Amino acid sequence: MKCPFCGSERIKQGISWGKSAETGNIGLEYTKEKSLLPFTIVAEVYSDLCLDCKTIIRTYIKDDADKNWITKD
């Protein structure tokens, strides 16, 4: 993989996003379908980072993407 901005091949893949005790998990939120009690679940987010120009090349999840995502409408 090459960085589309600087051309570097020094890409660190699959870096998980940090978590904080004060804010809880960081990631994309969804609710479990067919649940008696609605509660929010967080899908952990990962990024690929160019080590030379420090650009996040790609951000993604490894979970199944077919979920009841919480959106701001």
C-alpha atoms as a PDB file:
ATOM      1  CA  MET A   1       0.000   0.000   0.000  1.00  0.00           C
ATOM      2  CA  LYS A   2       1.214   3.480  -0.859  1.00  0.00           C
ATOM      3  CA  CYS A   3       0.202   6.767   0.713  1.00  0.00           C
ATOM      4  CA  PRO A   4      -1.813   8.721  -1.868  1.00  0.00           C
ATOM      5  CA  PHE A   5      -0.457  11.998  -0.448  1.00  0.00           C
ATOM      6  CA  CYS A   6       3.306  11.509  -0.142  1.00  0.00           C
ATOM      7  CA  GLY A   7       3.907   8.186  -1.938  1.00  0.00           C
ATOM      8  CA  SER A   8       5.481   6.517   1.098  1.00  0.00           C
ATOM      9  CA  GLU A   9       5.109   2.782   1.570  1.00  0.00           C
ATOM     10  CA  ARG A  10       5.659   3.082   5.324  1.00  0.00           C
ATOM     11  CA  ILE A  11       2.051   2.426   6.283  1.00  0.00           C
ATOM     12  CA  LYS A  12       1.115   0.988   9.668  1.00  0.00           C
ATOM     13  CA  GLN A  13      -2.128  -0.935   9.224  1.00  0.00           C
ATOM     14  CA  GLY A  14      -4.835  -1.893  11.709  1.00  0.00           C
ATOM     15  CA  ILE A  15      -4.160   0.644  14.471  1.00  0.00           C
ATOM     16  CA  SER A  16      -7.065   0.506  16.922  1.00  0.00           C
ATOM     17  CA  TRP A  17      -8.533   3.742  18.213  1.00  0.00           C
ATOM     18  CA  GLY A  18      -7.862   4.572  21.856  1.00  0.00           C
ATOM     19  CA  LYS A  19     -10.336   4.387  24.680  1.00  0.00           C
ATOM     20  CA  SER A  20     -10.771   6.631  27.664  1.00  0.00           C
ATOM     21  CA  ALA A  21     -12.236   5.803  31.061  1.00  0.00           C
ATOM     22  CA  GLU A  22     -13.963   9.183  31.029  1.00  0.00           C
ATOM     23  CA  THR A  23     -15.648   8.884  27.646  1.00  0.00           C
ATOM     24  CA  GLY A  24     -16.101   5.125  27.300  1.00  0.00           C
ATOM     25  CA  ASN A  25     -15.447   3.288  24.047  1.00  0.00           C
ATOM     26  CA  ILE A  26     -14.734   5.259  20.906  1.00  0.00           C
ATOM     27  CA  GLY A  27     -16.189   3.914  17.698  1.00  0.00           C
ATOM     28  CA  LEU A  28     -19.307   3.635  15.585  1.00  0.00           C
ATOM     29  CA  GLU A  29     -22.505   3.176  17.597  1.00  0.00           C
ATOM     30  CA  TYR A  30     -25.328   0.758  16.886  1.00  0.00           C
ATOM     31  CA  THR A  31     -28.194  -0.872  18.741  1.00  0.00           C
ATOM     32  CA  LYS A  32     -28.918  -4.552  18.910  1.00  0.00           C
ATOM     33  CA  GLU A  33     -32.021  -5.433  16.948  1.00  0.00           C
ATOM     34  CA  LYS A  34     -34.749  -7.490  18.604  1.00  0.00           C
ATOM     35  CA  SER A  35     -33.467  -6.618  22.057  1.00  0.00           C
ATOM     36  CA  LEU A  36     -35.821  -6.209  25.009  1.00  0.00           C
ATOM     37  CA  LEU A  37     -33.694  -3.415  26.450  1.00  0.00           C
ATOM     38  CA  PRO A  38     -32.318  -0.949  23.897  1.00  0.00           C
ATOM     39  CA  PHE A  39     -28.669  -0.221  24.607  1.00  0.00           C
ATOM     40  CA  THR A  40     -25.809   1.170  22.585  1.00  0.00           C
ATOM     41  CA  ILE A  41     -22.969  -1.036  21.373  1.00  0.00           C
ATOM     42  CA  VAL A  42     -19.751   0.337  19.895  1.00  0.00           C
ATOM     43  CA  ALA A  43     -17.930  -1.238  16.953  1.00  0.00           C
ATOM     44  CA  GLU A  44     -14.209  -0.683  17.399  1.00  0.00           C
ATOM     45  CA  VAL A  45     -12.618   1.481  14.718  1.00  0.00           C
ATOM     46  CA  TYR A  46      -9.224   0.895  13.087  1.00  0.00           C
ATOM     47  CA  SER A  47      -7.066   3.105  10.879  1.00  0.00           C
ATOM     48  CA  ASP A  48      -4.103   2.766   8.529  1.00  0.00           C
ATOM     49  CA  LEU A  49      -1.517   5.510   9.137  1.00  0.00           C
ATOM     50  CA  CYS A  50       1.289   6.861   6.942  1.00  0.00           C
ATOM     51  CA  LEU A  51       4.341   7.003   9.195  1.00  0.00           C
ATOM     52  CA  ASP A  52       6.010   9.671   7.051  1.00  0.00           C
ATOM     53  CA  CYS A  53       3.353  12.354   6.472  1.00  0.00           C
ATOM     54  CA  LYS A  54       1.148  11.248   9.414  1.00  0.00           C
ATOM     55  CA  THR A  55      -2.017  11.021   7.298  1.00  0.00           C
ATOM     56  CA  ILE A  56      -4.767   8.577   8.182  1.00  0.00           C
ATOM     57  CA  ILE A  57      -5.160   6.712   4.904  1.00  0.00           C
ATOM     58  CA  ARG A  58      -8.200   4.624   5.740  1.00  0.00           C
ATOM     59  CA  THR A  59     -10.586   4.170   8.663  1.00  0.00           C
ATOM     60  CA  TYR A  60     -12.679   1.011   8.989  1.00  0.00           C
ATOM     61  CA  ILE A  61     -14.312  -1.569  11.256  1.00  0.00           C
ATOM     62  CA  LYS A  62     -13.684  -5.307  11.254  1.00  0.00           C
ATOM     63  CA  ASP A  63     -17.206  -6.220  12.441  1.00  0.00           C
ATOM     64  CA  ASP A  64     -20.091  -7.103  10.172  1.00  0.00           C
ATOM     65  CA  ALA A  65     -21.353  -3.826   8.666  1.00  0.00           C
ATOM     66  CA  ASP A  66     -25.021  -4.856   8.486  1.00  0.00           C
ATOM     67  CA  LYS A  67     -26.120  -3.347  11.799  1.00  0.00           C
ATOM     68  CA  ASN A  68     -28.749  -0.967  13.162  1.00  0.00           C
ATOM     69  CA  TRP A  69     -26.365   2.052  13.087  1.00  0.00           C
ATOM     70  CA  ILE A  70     -27.220   5.112  15.146  1.00  0.00           C
ATOM     71  CA  THR A  71     -27.272   8.172  12.900  1.00  0.00           C
ATOM     72  CA  LYS A  72     -27.898  11.850  13.428  1.00  0.00           C
ATOM     73  CA  ASP A  73     -30.999  12.711  11.438  1.00  0.00           C
END
